Amino acid sequence: MTNLEILEQLKMLPTAERLKIVESTVHELREELEDAQLPGAQVTGGRLAQAAQALLDDYTTDSELTAFTSLDSEPLHA
């Protein structure tokens, strides 16, 4: 069945039934994206925390990575 055929069949259903189908489809897609952790999937705080933890040692021991932070207190000029 093509996308167009599916859409045509959906149009024949009552609005409430179509809404249920759309909601369950979106829910399934979100679960698949989270499971696959594909690019474009929502980045979760857990993944960000893992990345930050992995780089923590580099940033605490390598002064070249934080050299520009000394400019943080400088005024910003446009």
C-alpha atoms as a PDB file:
ATOM      1  CA  MET A   1       0.000   0.000   0.000  1.00  0.00           C
ATOM      2  CA  THR A   2       1.418   3.403  -0.924  1.00  0.00           C
ATOM      3  CA  ASN A   3       1.471   6.489   1.277  1.00  0.00           C
ATOM      4  CA  LEU A   4      -1.232   8.064  -0.855  1.00  0.00           C
ATOM      5  CA  GLU A   5      -3.461   5.007  -0.494  1.00  0.00           C
ATOM      6  CA  ILE A   6      -2.966   5.009   3.261  1.00  0.00           C
ATOM      7  CA  LEU A   7      -3.885   8.694   3.476  1.00  0.00           C
ATOM      8  CA  GLU A   8      -6.988   8.145   1.356  1.00  0.00           C
ATOM      9  CA  GLN A   9      -8.084   5.295   3.629  1.00  0.00           C
ATOM     10  CA  LEU A  10      -7.463   7.416   6.719  1.00  0.00           C
ATOM     11  CA  LYS A  11      -9.716  10.149   5.338  1.00  0.00           C
ATOM     12  CA  MET A  12     -12.600   7.682   5.399  1.00  0.00           C
ATOM     13  CA  LEU A  13     -12.303   7.172   9.158  1.00  0.00           C
ATOM     14  CA  PRO A  14     -13.976   9.376  11.755  1.00  0.00           C
ATOM     15  CA  THR A  15     -11.787  12.169  13.108  1.00  0.00           C
ATOM     16  CA  ALA A  16     -11.435  10.616  16.568  1.00  0.00           C
ATOM     17  CA  GLU A  17     -10.255   7.341  15.063  1.00  0.00           C
ATOM     18  CA  ARG A  18      -7.747   9.121  12.807  1.00  0.00           C
ATOM     19  CA  LEU A  19      -6.394  11.013  15.801  1.00  0.00           C
ATOM     20  CA  LYS A  20      -5.862   7.756  17.727  1.00  0.00           C
ATOM     21  CA  ILE A  21      -3.928   6.316  14.786  1.00  0.00           C
ATOM     22  CA  VAL A  22      -1.737   9.409  14.475  1.00  0.00           C
ATOM     23  CA  GLU A  23      -1.030   9.491  18.210  1.00  0.00           C
ATOM     24  CA  SER A  24      -0.050   5.832  18.363  1.00  0.00           C
ATOM     25  CA  THR A  25       2.123   6.199  15.258  1.00  0.00           C
ATOM     26  CA  VAL A  26       3.971   9.191  16.721  1.00  0.00           C
ATOM     27  CA  HIS A  27       4.432   7.318  19.999  1.00  0.00           C
ATOM     28  CA  GLU A  28       5.919   4.309  18.181  1.00  0.00           C
ATOM     29  CA  LEU A  29       8.238   6.539  16.139  1.00  0.00           C
ATOM     30  CA  ARG A  30       9.525   8.279  19.270  1.00  0.00           C
ATOM     31  CA  GLU A  31      10.258   4.929  20.895  1.00  0.00           C
ATOM     32  CA  GLU A  32      12.108   3.730  17.792  1.00  0.00           C
ATOM     33  CA  LEU A  33      14.190   6.904  17.667  1.00  0.00           C
ATOM     34  CA  GLU A  34      15.081   6.656  21.339  1.00  0.00           C
ATOM     35  CA  ASP A  35      16.004   2.982  20.987  1.00  0.00           C
ATOM     36  CA  ALA A  36      18.121   3.554  17.894  1.00  0.00           C
ATOM     37  CA  GLN A  37      19.630   6.817  19.185  1.00  0.00           C
ATOM     38  CA  LEU A  38      19.832   8.031  15.618  1.00  0.00           C
ATOM     39  CA  PRO A  39      21.110  11.460  14.656  1.00  0.00           C
ATOM     40  CA  GLY A  40      18.101  13.696  14.797  1.00  0.00           C
ATOM     41  CA  ALA A  41      16.663  11.871  17.757  1.00  0.00           C
ATOM     42  CA  GLN A  42      16.085  13.979  20.789  1.00  0.00           C
ATOM     43  CA  VAL A  43      19.310  14.323  22.756  1.00  0.00           C
ATOM     44  CA  THR A  44      18.614  13.362  26.324  1.00  0.00           C
ATOM     45  CA  GLY A  45      20.243  14.762  29.420  1.00  0.00           C
ATOM     46  CA  GLY A  46      21.708  11.332  30.109  1.00  0.00           C
ATOM     47  CA  ARG A  47      23.636  11.276  26.846  1.00  0.00           C
ATOM     48  CA  LEU A  48      24.886  14.809  27.428  1.00  0.00           C
ATOM     49  CA  ALA A  49      25.970  13.914  30.946  1.00  0.00           C
ATOM     50  CA  GLN A  50      27.857  10.881  29.638  1.00  0.00           C
ATOM     51  CA  ALA A  51      29.647  13.016  27.043  1.00  0.00           C
ATOM     52  CA  ALA A  52      30.553  15.640  29.641  1.00  0.00           C
ATOM     53  CA  GLN A  53      31.835  12.976  32.017  1.00  0.00           C
ATOM     54  CA  ALA A  54      33.952  11.429  29.257  1.00  0.00           C
ATOM     55  CA  LEU A  55      35.643  14.794  28.597  1.00  0.00           C
ATOM     56  CA  LEU A  56      35.964  15.916  32.216  1.00  0.00           C
ATOM     57  CA  ASP A  57      39.523  14.641  32.639  1.00  0.00           C
ATOM     58  CA  ASP A  58      40.653  16.368  29.427  1.00  0.00           C
ATOM     59  CA  TYR A  59      39.241  19.713  30.502  1.00  0.00           C
ATOM     60  CA  THR A  60      40.670  19.521  34.019  1.00  0.00           C
ATOM     61  CA  THR A  61      44.199  18.540  32.926  1.00  0.00           C
ATOM     62  CA  ASP A  62      44.693  20.204  29.524  1.00  0.00           C
ATOM     63  CA  SER A  63      44.961  23.985  29.932  1.00  0.00           C
ATOM     64  CA  GLU A  64      44.854  24.518  26.160  1.00  0.00           C
ATOM     65  CA  LEU A  65      41.225  23.384  26.098  1.00  0.00           C
ATOM     66  CA  THR A  66      40.234  26.082  28.573  1.00  0.00           C
ATOM     67  CA  ALA A  67      42.576  28.890  27.483  1.00  0.00           C
ATOM     68  CA  PHE A  68      39.787  31.082  26.143  1.00  0.00           C
ATOM     69  CA  THR A  69      37.775  30.911  29.370  1.00  0.00           C
ATOM     70  CA  SER A  70      40.137  33.525  30.795  1.00  0.00           C
ATOM     71  CA  LEU A  71      38.342  35.974  28.501  1.00  0.00           C
ATOM     72  CA  ASP A  72      34.956  35.258  30.094  1.00  0.00           C
ATOM     73  CA  SER A  73      35.224  38.281  32.392  1.00  0.00           C
ATOM     74  CA  GLU A  74      36.159  40.627  29.545  1.00  0.00           C
ATOM     75  CA  PRO A  75      33.440  43.038  28.387  1.00  0.00           C
ATOM     76  CA  LEU A  76      31.761  42.166  25.114  1.00  0.00           C
ATOM     77  CA  HIS A  77      32.035  44.739  22.334  1.00  0.00           C
ATOM     78  CA  ALA A  78      29.883  44.601  19.246  1.00  0.00           C
END
